């Protein structure tokens, strides 16, 4: 797991965290609470949260990172492994060539899966996809886009303009 650096964010607005060097991920917020339970630890970042890592910049109002202890047989000590990351309220992810926004995002680190929910939009050079829920399967170049049954709003794909071929 890449190193995680925690830094207080003293600014009024959520500014992108500084570009992380190497494989570090830097999380900044105005407040951090660590809640330990017997089987997991919750790190709750609140108020103007920003995340920066390799090819990732993210902003939201609350970020919950759930980690579990895993025993390392060789080192004879336990290490924390991230199980899920949940981002809430005004969520925006920026990667090279892609922007995603939603109300809530859940990253399942062990399953290589990301679920965007509530006004989910992903825009890149190939077009734009919108839906109530978007499930992105990392490494498989697959996505599942769902509409909202409660409101009747349908999943939508907007493709770039298709120019006719010159003859």
N, C-alpha and C. Protein backbone atom coordinates (compact mmCIF):
# COMPACT_ATOMS: atom_id res chain seq x y z
N UNK A 1 0.84 -1.17 0.00
CA UNK A 1 0.00 0.00 0.00
C UNK A 1 0.88 1.23 0.00
N UNK A 2 0.57 2.26 -0.84
CA UNK A 2 1.36 3.47 -0.86
C UNK A 2 1.29 4.20 0.48
N UNK A 3 2.30 4.99 0.76
CA UNK A 3 2.34 5.77 2.00
C UNK A 3 1.21 6.78 2.00
N UNK A 4 0.70 7.12 3.18
CA UNK A 4 -0.37 8.08 3.33
C UNK A 4 0.14 9.19 4.23
N UNK A 5 0.11 10.44 3.75
CA UNK A 5 0.58 11.59 4.51
C UNK A 5 -0.62 12.43 4.90
N UNK A 6 -0.75 12.77 6.17
CA UNK A 6 -1.87 13.56 6.67
C UNK A 6 -1.37 14.95 7.01
N UNK A 7 -2.06 15.96 6.45
CA UNK A 7 -1.67 17.34 6.70
C UNK A 7 -2.91 18.18 6.93
N UNK A 8 -2.90 19.12 7.91
CA UNK A 8 -4.05 19.99 8.09
C UNK A 8 -4.17 20.96 6.92
N UNK A 9 -5.40 21.28 6.55
CA UNK A 9 -5.67 22.21 5.48
C UNK A 9 -6.19 23.49 6.12
N UNK A 10 -5.40 24.55 6.09
CA UNK A 10 -5.75 25.77 6.80
C UNK A 10 -6.54 26.75 5.94
N UNK A 11 -6.65 26.52 4.64
CA UNK A 11 -7.34 27.45 3.76
C UNK A 11 -8.85 27.37 3.89
N UNK A 12 -9.56 28.39 3.43
CA UNK A 12 -11.01 28.41 3.47
C UNK A 12 -11.60 27.46 2.43
N UNK A 13 -11.11 27.50 1.22
CA UNK A 13 -11.60 26.66 0.14
C UNK A 13 -10.75 25.40 0.05
N UNK A 14 -11.36 24.35 -0.45
CA UNK A 14 -10.60 23.11 -0.65
C UNK A 14 -9.70 23.32 -1.87
N UNK A 15 -8.42 23.40 -1.62
CA UNK A 15 -7.46 23.55 -2.70
C UNK A 15 -6.87 22.18 -2.98
N UNK A 16 -6.50 21.90 -4.23
CA UNK A 16 -5.88 20.60 -4.49
C UNK A 16 -4.65 20.42 -3.61
N UNK A 17 -4.51 19.23 -3.08
CA UNK A 17 -3.33 18.93 -2.28
C UNK A 17 -2.11 19.00 -3.17
N UNK A 18 -0.93 19.28 -2.62
CA UNK A 18 0.26 19.34 -3.44
C UNK A 18 0.51 18.00 -4.13
N UNK A 19 1.10 18.05 -5.31
CA UNK A 19 1.39 16.82 -6.05
C UNK A 19 2.29 15.92 -5.22
N UNK A 20 1.83 14.71 -5.02
CA UNK A 20 2.60 13.76 -4.22
C UNK A 20 3.77 13.23 -5.02
N UNK A 21 4.86 13.01 -4.35
CA UNK A 21 6.02 12.45 -5.03
C UNK A 21 5.98 10.93 -4.90
N UNK A 22 6.50 10.25 -5.88
CA UNK A 22 6.53 8.79 -5.84
C UNK A 22 5.13 8.22 -5.83
N UNK A 23 4.88 7.26 -4.95
CA UNK A 23 3.57 6.63 -4.89
C UNK A 23 2.78 7.09 -3.67
N UNK A 24 3.19 8.17 -3.04
CA UNK A 24 2.46 8.70 -1.89
C UNK A 24 1.11 9.25 -2.30
N UNK A 25 0.17 9.19 -1.38
CA UNK A 25 -1.11 9.86 -1.54
C UNK A 25 -1.23 10.83 -0.37
N UNK A 26 -1.49 12.11 -0.67
CA UNK A 26 -1.58 13.14 0.36
C UNK A 26 -3.04 13.53 0.51
N UNK A 27 -3.54 13.46 1.76
CA UNK A 27 -4.91 13.85 2.08
C UNK A 27 -4.85 15.05 3.01
N UNK A 28 -5.60 16.11 2.67
CA UNK A 28 -5.67 17.29 3.52
C UNK A 28 -7.11 17.58 3.86
N UNK A 29 -7.35 18.05 5.08
CA UNK A 29 -8.69 18.47 5.49
C UNK A 29 -8.55 19.37 6.70
N UNK A 30 -9.65 20.03 7.07
CA UNK A 30 -9.61 20.88 8.26
C UNK A 30 -9.68 20.06 9.53
N UNK A 31 -10.25 18.84 9.43
CA UNK A 31 -10.36 18.00 10.62
C UNK A 31 -10.18 16.53 10.25
N UNK A 32 -9.56 15.78 11.16
CA UNK A 32 -9.39 14.34 11.00
C UNK A 32 -9.73 13.68 12.32
N UNK A 33 -10.60 12.68 12.24
CA UNK A 33 -10.94 11.89 13.42
C UNK A 33 -10.57 10.44 13.13
N UNK A 34 -9.93 9.79 14.07
CA UNK A 34 -9.59 8.38 13.94
C UNK A 34 -10.45 7.62 14.93
N UNK A 35 -11.22 6.65 14.41
CA UNK A 35 -12.13 5.88 15.24
C UNK A 35 -11.70 4.41 15.15
N UNK A 36 -11.18 3.89 16.26
CA UNK A 36 -10.70 2.51 16.27
C UNK A 36 -11.79 1.58 16.79
N UNK A 37 -12.00 0.50 16.06
CA UNK A 37 -12.91 -0.56 16.48
C UNK A 37 -12.09 -1.84 16.56
N UNK A 38 -12.69 -2.91 17.05
CA UNK A 38 -11.93 -4.14 17.23
C UNK A 38 -11.44 -4.74 15.91
N UNK A 39 -12.22 -4.58 14.84
CA UNK A 39 -11.85 -5.22 13.57
C UNK A 39 -11.41 -4.25 12.48
N UNK A 40 -11.50 -2.94 12.73
CA UNK A 40 -11.12 -1.96 11.71
C UNK A 40 -10.88 -0.60 12.34
N UNK A 41 -10.28 0.28 11.55
CA UNK A 41 -10.04 1.66 11.96
C UNK A 41 -10.62 2.57 10.89
N UNK A 42 -11.37 3.58 11.31
CA UNK A 42 -11.96 4.55 10.40
C UNK A 42 -11.22 5.87 10.55
N UNK A 43 -10.73 6.40 9.43
CA UNK A 43 -10.13 7.72 9.38
C UNK A 43 -11.15 8.61 8.69
N UNK A 44 -11.72 9.59 9.42
CA UNK A 44 -12.75 10.46 8.85
C UNK A 44 -12.19 11.87 8.69
N UNK A 45 -12.00 12.27 7.43
CA UNK A 45 -11.55 13.60 7.08
C UNK A 45 -12.78 14.44 6.78
N UNK A 46 -12.87 15.64 7.35
CA UNK A 46 -14.04 16.49 7.11
C UNK A 46 -13.62 17.93 6.81
N UNK A 47 -14.52 18.63 6.14
CA UNK A 47 -14.37 20.05 5.83
C UNK A 47 -13.25 20.30 4.82
N UNK A 48 -13.64 20.51 3.59
CA UNK A 48 -12.72 20.88 2.51
C UNK A 48 -11.60 19.86 2.34
N UNK A 49 -11.96 18.66 1.99
CA UNK A 49 -11.00 17.57 1.84
C UNK A 49 -10.41 17.62 0.43
N UNK A 50 -9.09 17.45 0.36
CA UNK A 50 -8.42 17.33 -0.93
C UNK A 50 -7.46 16.15 -0.88
N UNK A 51 -7.37 15.46 -2.02
CA UNK A 51 -6.52 14.28 -2.13
C UNK A 51 -5.67 14.43 -3.37
N UNK A 52 -4.39 14.11 -3.27
CA UNK A 52 -3.51 14.16 -4.42
C UNK A 52 -2.60 12.93 -4.40
N UNK A 53 -2.50 12.30 -5.55
CA UNK A 53 -1.64 11.13 -5.68
C UNK A 53 -1.19 11.01 -7.12
N UNK A 54 -0.62 9.89 -7.46
CA UNK A 54 -0.17 9.66 -8.83
C UNK A 54 -1.38 9.70 -9.75
N UNK A 55 -1.45 10.66 -10.66
CA UNK A 55 -2.53 10.83 -11.62
C UNK A 55 -3.91 10.92 -10.95
N UNK A 56 -4.00 11.57 -9.79
CA UNK A 56 -5.29 11.74 -9.14
C UNK A 56 -5.31 13.02 -8.32
N UNK A 57 -6.35 13.81 -8.53
CA UNK A 57 -6.66 14.96 -7.69
C UNK A 57 -8.14 14.85 -7.37
N UNK A 58 -8.49 14.91 -6.10
CA UNK A 58 -9.88 14.76 -5.70
C UNK A 58 -10.26 15.79 -4.66
N UNK A 59 -11.52 16.22 -4.71
CA UNK A 59 -12.07 17.16 -3.75
C UNK A 59 -13.41 16.62 -3.26
N UNK A 60 -13.72 16.83 -1.98
CA UNK A 60 -15.03 16.48 -1.43
C UNK A 60 -15.15 17.15 -0.07
N UNK A 61 -16.30 16.97 0.56
CA UNK A 61 -16.51 17.57 1.89
C UNK A 61 -16.20 16.60 3.02
N UNK A 62 -16.33 15.29 2.75
CA UNK A 62 -16.00 14.29 3.77
C UNK A 62 -15.40 13.07 3.09
N UNK A 63 -14.38 12.50 3.72
CA UNK A 63 -13.72 11.31 3.19
C UNK A 63 -13.54 10.32 4.33
N UNK A 64 -14.10 9.11 4.18
CA UNK A 64 -13.94 8.05 5.17
C UNK A 64 -13.04 6.97 4.60
N UNK A 65 -11.95 6.69 5.29
CA UNK A 65 -11.03 5.63 4.88
C UNK A 65 -11.12 4.53 5.94
N UNK A 66 -11.55 3.34 5.52
CA UNK A 66 -11.65 2.21 6.44
C UNK A 66 -10.47 1.28 6.18
N UNK A 67 -9.72 1.02 7.24
CA UNK A 67 -8.53 0.16 7.12
C UNK A 67 -8.65 -1.00 8.11
N UNK A 68 -8.09 -2.13 7.70
CA UNK A 68 -8.07 -3.30 8.57
C UNK A 68 -6.63 -3.72 8.79
N UNK A 69 -6.37 -4.30 9.96
CA UNK A 69 -5.02 -4.76 10.27
C UNK A 69 -4.80 -6.12 9.62
N UNK A 70 -3.65 -6.26 8.96
CA UNK A 70 -3.28 -7.54 8.35
C UNK A 70 -1.94 -7.95 8.94
N UNK A 71 -1.86 -9.19 9.36
CA UNK A 71 -0.64 -9.71 9.97
C UNK A 71 0.37 -10.05 8.89
N UNK A 72 1.58 -9.52 9.01
CA UNK A 72 2.67 -9.83 8.08
C UNK A 72 3.50 -10.93 8.73
N UNK A 73 3.44 -12.12 8.15
CA UNK A 73 4.12 -13.29 8.73
C UNK A 73 5.63 -13.09 8.81
N UNK A 74 6.21 -12.45 7.79
CA UNK A 74 7.67 -12.26 7.77
C UNK A 74 8.11 -11.22 8.79
N UNK A 75 7.39 -10.12 8.87
CA UNK A 75 7.79 -9.04 9.77
C UNK A 75 7.26 -9.26 11.19
N UNK A 76 6.35 -10.21 11.37
CA UNK A 76 5.75 -10.52 12.66
C UNK A 76 5.08 -9.30 13.29
N UNK A 77 4.53 -8.44 12.45
CA UNK A 77 3.78 -7.29 12.94
C UNK A 77 2.64 -7.03 11.98
N UNK A 78 1.61 -6.35 12.46
CA UNK A 78 0.47 -6.08 11.59
C UNK A 78 0.65 -4.73 10.90
N UNK A 79 0.09 -4.64 9.70
CA UNK A 79 0.10 -3.40 8.93
C UNK A 79 -1.33 -3.09 8.53
N UNK A 80 -1.62 -1.82 8.33
CA UNK A 80 -2.96 -1.41 7.93
C UNK A 80 -3.11 -1.56 6.42
N UNK A 81 -4.24 -2.10 6.01
CA UNK A 81 -4.58 -2.26 4.60
C UNK A 81 -5.91 -1.55 4.36
N UNK A 82 -5.97 -0.68 3.36
CA UNK A 82 -7.19 0.06 3.08
C UNK A 82 -8.23 -0.89 2.49
N UNK A 83 -9.41 -0.90 3.09
CA UNK A 83 -10.50 -1.74 2.63
C UNK A 83 -11.43 -0.95 1.72
N UNK A 84 -11.92 0.20 2.20
CA UNK A 84 -12.78 1.07 1.38
C UNK A 84 -12.42 2.53 1.62
N UNK A 85 -12.72 3.34 0.61
CA UNK A 85 -12.61 4.78 0.71
C UNK A 85 -13.94 5.33 0.22
N UNK A 86 -14.60 6.15 1.05
CA UNK A 86 -15.88 6.74 0.67
C UNK A 86 -15.74 8.25 0.69
N UNK A 87 -16.14 8.88 -0.40
CA UNK A 87 -16.12 10.34 -0.51
C UNK A 87 -17.57 10.83 -0.59
N UNK A 88 -17.87 11.90 0.15
CA UNK A 88 -19.24 12.40 0.22
C UNK A 88 -19.29 13.89 -0.13
N UNK A 89 -20.39 14.30 -0.74
CA UNK A 89 -20.75 15.70 -0.95
C UNK A 89 -19.78 16.44 -1.88
N UNK A 90 -20.31 16.86 -3.02
CA UNK A 90 -19.55 17.62 -4.02
C UNK A 90 -18.25 16.91 -4.39
N UNK A 91 -18.36 15.64 -4.73
CA UNK A 91 -17.18 14.82 -5.04
C UNK A 91 -16.72 15.12 -6.47
N UNK A 92 -15.42 15.34 -6.61
CA UNK A 92 -14.81 15.56 -7.94
C UNK A 92 -13.46 14.85 -7.98
N UNK A 93 -13.31 13.97 -8.98
CA UNK A 93 -12.05 13.28 -9.23
C UNK A 93 -11.51 13.79 -10.55
N UNK A 94 -10.24 14.13 -10.60
CA UNK A 94 -9.59 14.52 -11.85
C UNK A 94 -8.40 13.61 -12.09
N UNK A 95 -8.35 13.02 -13.27
CA UNK A 95 -7.21 12.24 -13.72
C UNK A 95 -6.86 12.74 -15.10
N UNK A 96 -5.71 12.38 -15.59
CA UNK A 96 -5.30 12.81 -16.92
C UNK A 96 -6.36 12.39 -17.94
N UNK A 97 -6.97 13.37 -18.61
CA UNK A 97 -7.95 13.10 -19.65
C UNK A 97 -9.34 12.73 -19.16
N UNK A 98 -9.61 12.80 -17.84
CA UNK A 98 -10.92 12.36 -17.32
C UNK A 98 -11.29 13.15 -16.08
N UNK A 99 -12.59 13.50 -15.99
CA UNK A 99 -13.14 14.15 -14.80
C UNK A 99 -14.41 13.40 -14.40
N UNK A 100 -14.57 13.12 -13.12
CA UNK A 100 -15.78 12.47 -12.61
C UNK A 100 -16.33 13.29 -11.46
N UNK A 101 -17.66 13.45 -11.44
CA UNK A 101 -18.32 14.15 -10.34
C UNK A 101 -19.52 13.31 -9.88
N UNK A 102 -19.87 13.44 -8.59
CA UNK A 102 -21.01 12.71 -8.05
C UNK A 102 -21.28 13.21 -6.64
N UNK A 103 -22.36 12.66 -6.04
CA UNK A 103 -22.68 13.00 -4.65
C UNK A 103 -21.91 12.11 -3.67
N UNK A 104 -21.68 10.85 -4.07
CA UNK A 104 -20.96 9.91 -3.21
C UNK A 104 -20.15 8.96 -4.09
N UNK A 105 -18.92 8.69 -3.68
CA UNK A 105 -18.08 7.73 -4.39
C UNK A 105 -17.54 6.73 -3.38
N UNK A 106 -17.55 5.46 -3.77
CA UNK A 106 -16.98 4.41 -2.92
C UNK A 106 -15.93 3.67 -3.72
N UNK A 107 -14.73 3.61 -3.17
CA UNK A 107 -13.63 2.89 -3.81
C UNK A 107 -13.39 1.62 -3.00
N UNK A 108 -13.56 0.49 -3.67
CA UNK A 108 -13.30 -0.81 -3.05
C UNK A 108 -11.89 -1.21 -3.46
N UNK A 109 -10.93 -0.89 -2.63
CA UNK A 109 -9.52 -1.06 -2.98
C UNK A 109 -9.16 -2.51 -3.31
N UNK A 110 -9.68 -3.46 -2.54
CA UNK A 110 -9.33 -4.86 -2.74
C UNK A 110 -10.01 -5.47 -3.96
N UNK A 111 -11.13 -4.89 -4.39
CA UNK A 111 -11.88 -5.41 -5.53
C UNK A 111 -11.60 -4.65 -6.83
N UNK A 112 -10.78 -3.61 -6.75
CA UNK A 112 -10.48 -2.76 -7.91
C UNK A 112 -11.76 -2.26 -8.56
N UNK A 113 -12.65 -1.74 -7.72
CA UNK A 113 -13.96 -1.27 -8.20
C UNK A 113 -14.26 0.08 -7.59
N UNK A 114 -14.86 0.98 -8.40
CA UNK A 114 -15.28 2.29 -7.94
C UNK A 114 -16.76 2.45 -8.27
N UNK A 115 -17.56 2.90 -7.29
CA UNK A 115 -18.98 3.13 -7.52
C UNK A 115 -19.26 4.61 -7.26
N UNK A 116 -19.77 5.30 -8.29
CA UNK A 116 -20.16 6.71 -8.19
C UNK A 116 -21.68 6.73 -8.10
N UNK A 117 -22.22 7.48 -7.13
CA UNK A 117 -23.68 7.50 -6.94
C UNK A 117 -24.20 8.92 -6.81
N UNK A 118 -25.41 9.15 -7.30
CA UNK A 118 -26.07 10.44 -7.18
C UNK A 118 -25.50 11.45 -8.14
N UNK A 119 -26.23 11.74 -9.21
CA UNK A 119 -25.78 12.70 -10.22
C UNK A 119 -24.37 12.39 -10.72
N UNK A 120 -24.11 11.13 -10.98
CA UNK A 120 -22.78 10.70 -11.41
C UNK A 120 -22.53 11.06 -12.87
N UNK A 121 -21.36 11.67 -13.12
CA UNK A 121 -20.97 12.09 -14.46
C UNK A 121 -19.49 11.77 -14.65
N UNK A 122 -19.15 11.13 -15.76
CA UNK A 122 -17.76 10.92 -16.13
C UNK A 122 -17.58 11.50 -17.52
N UNK A 123 -16.61 12.39 -17.66
CA UNK A 123 -16.34 13.05 -18.94
C UNK A 123 -14.89 12.81 -19.34
N UNK A 124 -14.68 12.39 -20.59
CA UNK A 124 -13.32 12.27 -21.13
C UNK A 124 -13.36 12.58 -22.62
N UNK A 125 -12.26 12.35 -23.31
CA UNK A 125 -12.18 12.67 -24.74
C UNK A 125 -13.16 11.87 -25.58
N UNK A 126 -13.62 10.72 -25.08
CA UNK A 126 -14.54 9.86 -25.82
C UNK A 126 -16.00 10.27 -25.64
N UNK A 127 -16.28 11.18 -24.72
CA UNK A 127 -17.65 11.62 -24.51
C UNK A 127 -17.97 11.77 -23.04
N UNK A 128 -19.28 11.69 -22.74
CA UNK A 128 -19.75 11.90 -21.38
C UNK A 128 -20.80 10.84 -21.05
N UNK A 129 -20.72 10.30 -19.83
CA UNK A 129 -21.68 9.31 -19.35
C UNK A 129 -22.30 9.86 -18.08
N UNK A 130 -23.65 9.79 -17.98
CA UNK A 130 -24.33 10.24 -16.78
C UNK A 130 -25.30 9.16 -16.32
N UNK A 131 -25.53 9.11 -15.03
CA UNK A 131 -26.49 8.16 -14.48
C UNK A 131 -26.61 8.35 -12.99
N UNK A 132 -27.54 7.62 -12.41
CA UNK A 132 -27.68 7.66 -10.95
C UNK A 132 -26.51 6.93 -10.31
N UNK A 133 -26.10 5.80 -10.91
CA UNK A 133 -24.98 5.01 -10.39
C UNK A 133 -24.09 4.56 -11.54
N UNK A 134 -22.80 4.77 -11.39
CA UNK A 134 -21.81 4.28 -12.35
C UNK A 134 -20.85 3.39 -11.59
N UNK A 135 -20.68 2.16 -12.06
CA UNK A 135 -19.73 1.23 -11.47
C UNK A 135 -18.59 1.06 -12.44
N UNK A 136 -17.39 1.41 -12.02
CA UNK A 136 -16.20 1.33 -12.86
C UNK A 136 -15.35 0.16 -12.39
N UNK A 137 -15.05 -0.75 -13.29
CA UNK A 137 -14.25 -1.93 -12.97
C UNK A 137 -12.83 -1.66 -13.45
N UNK A 138 -11.95 -1.34 -12.52
CA UNK A 138 -10.59 -0.94 -12.85
C UNK A 138 -9.81 -2.08 -13.49
N UNK A 139 -9.03 -1.73 -14.50
CA UNK A 139 -8.19 -2.71 -15.18
C UNK A 139 -8.93 -3.55 -16.20
N UNK A 140 -10.26 -3.47 -16.21
CA UNK A 140 -11.06 -4.25 -17.16
C UNK A 140 -11.66 -3.37 -18.25
N UNK A 141 -11.49 -2.05 -18.10
CA UNK A 141 -12.03 -1.09 -19.06
C UNK A 141 -13.52 -1.33 -19.29
N UNK A 142 -14.24 -1.58 -18.18
CA UNK A 142 -15.68 -1.81 -18.22
C UNK A 142 -16.37 -0.89 -17.24
N UNK A 143 -17.60 -0.52 -17.58
CA UNK A 143 -18.41 0.30 -16.69
C UNK A 143 -19.86 -0.14 -16.79
N UNK A 144 -20.58 -0.01 -15.69
CA UNK A 144 -22.01 -0.29 -15.66
C UNK A 144 -22.68 1.03 -15.28
N UNK A 145 -23.60 1.50 -16.14
CA UNK A 145 -24.27 2.77 -15.92
C UNK A 145 -25.75 2.49 -15.67
N UNK A 146 -26.27 3.00 -14.53
CA UNK A 146 -27.66 2.76 -14.17
C UNK A 146 -28.41 4.08 -14.03
N UNK A 147 -29.65 4.09 -14.49
CA UNK A 147 -30.53 5.23 -14.29
C UNK A 147 -31.12 5.20 -12.89
N UNK A 148 -32.00 6.14 -12.62
CA UNK A 148 -32.65 6.24 -11.31
C UNK A 148 -34.09 5.78 -11.44
N UNK A 149 -34.40 4.60 -10.95
CA UNK A 149 -35.76 4.06 -11.07
C UNK A 149 -36.78 4.93 -10.34
N UNK A 150 -36.39 5.53 -9.23
CA UNK A 150 -37.32 6.33 -8.44
C UNK A 150 -37.81 7.56 -9.21
N UNK A 151 -36.92 8.18 -9.96
CA UNK A 151 -37.28 9.40 -10.70
C UNK A 151 -37.54 9.14 -12.17
N UNK A 152 -37.17 7.97 -12.65
CA UNK A 152 -37.34 7.67 -14.07
C UNK A 152 -36.22 8.23 -14.94
N UNK A 153 -35.23 8.87 -14.32
CA UNK A 153 -34.12 9.43 -15.09
C UNK A 153 -33.26 8.29 -15.63
N UNK A 154 -33.01 8.33 -16.92
CA UNK A 154 -32.30 7.24 -17.59
C UNK A 154 -30.80 7.49 -17.67
N UNK A 155 -30.06 6.41 -17.80
CA UNK A 155 -28.61 6.50 -18.04
C UNK A 155 -28.41 7.10 -19.43
N UNK A 156 -27.38 7.96 -19.57
CA UNK A 156 -27.17 8.67 -20.82
C UNK A 156 -25.70 8.66 -21.21
N UNK A 157 -25.46 8.47 -22.51
CA UNK A 157 -24.11 8.58 -23.07
C UNK A 157 -24.15 9.67 -24.12
N UNK A 158 -23.24 10.63 -24.04
CA UNK A 158 -23.12 11.69 -25.03
C UNK A 158 -21.78 11.51 -25.73
N UNK A 159 -21.85 11.24 -27.03
CA UNK A 159 -20.63 11.01 -27.81
C UNK A 159 -20.19 12.31 -28.47
N UNK A 160 -18.90 12.45 -28.76
CA UNK A 160 -18.45 13.65 -29.47
C UNK A 160 -19.01 13.65 -30.89
N UNK A 161 -18.96 14.80 -31.52
CA UNK A 161 -19.46 14.94 -32.88
C UNK A 161 -18.73 13.98 -33.80
N UNK A 162 -19.50 13.28 -34.61
CA UNK A 162 -18.92 12.36 -35.59
C UNK A 162 -18.87 13.09 -36.92
N UNK A 163 -17.68 13.30 -37.42
CA UNK A 163 -17.50 14.04 -38.67
C UNK A 163 -17.50 13.07 -39.83
N UNK A 164 -18.20 13.42 -40.91
CA UNK A 164 -18.22 12.51 -42.07
C UNK A 164 -16.84 12.39 -42.69
N UNK A 165 -16.58 11.22 -43.22
CA UNK A 165 -15.29 10.99 -43.88
C UNK A 165 -15.26 11.69 -45.22
N UNK A 166 -14.11 12.25 -45.52
CA UNK A 166 -13.93 12.89 -46.82
C UNK A 166 -13.78 11.81 -47.88
N UNK A 167 -14.45 12.01 -49.00
CA UNK A 167 -14.39 10.99 -50.07
C UNK A 167 -13.55 11.43 -51.22
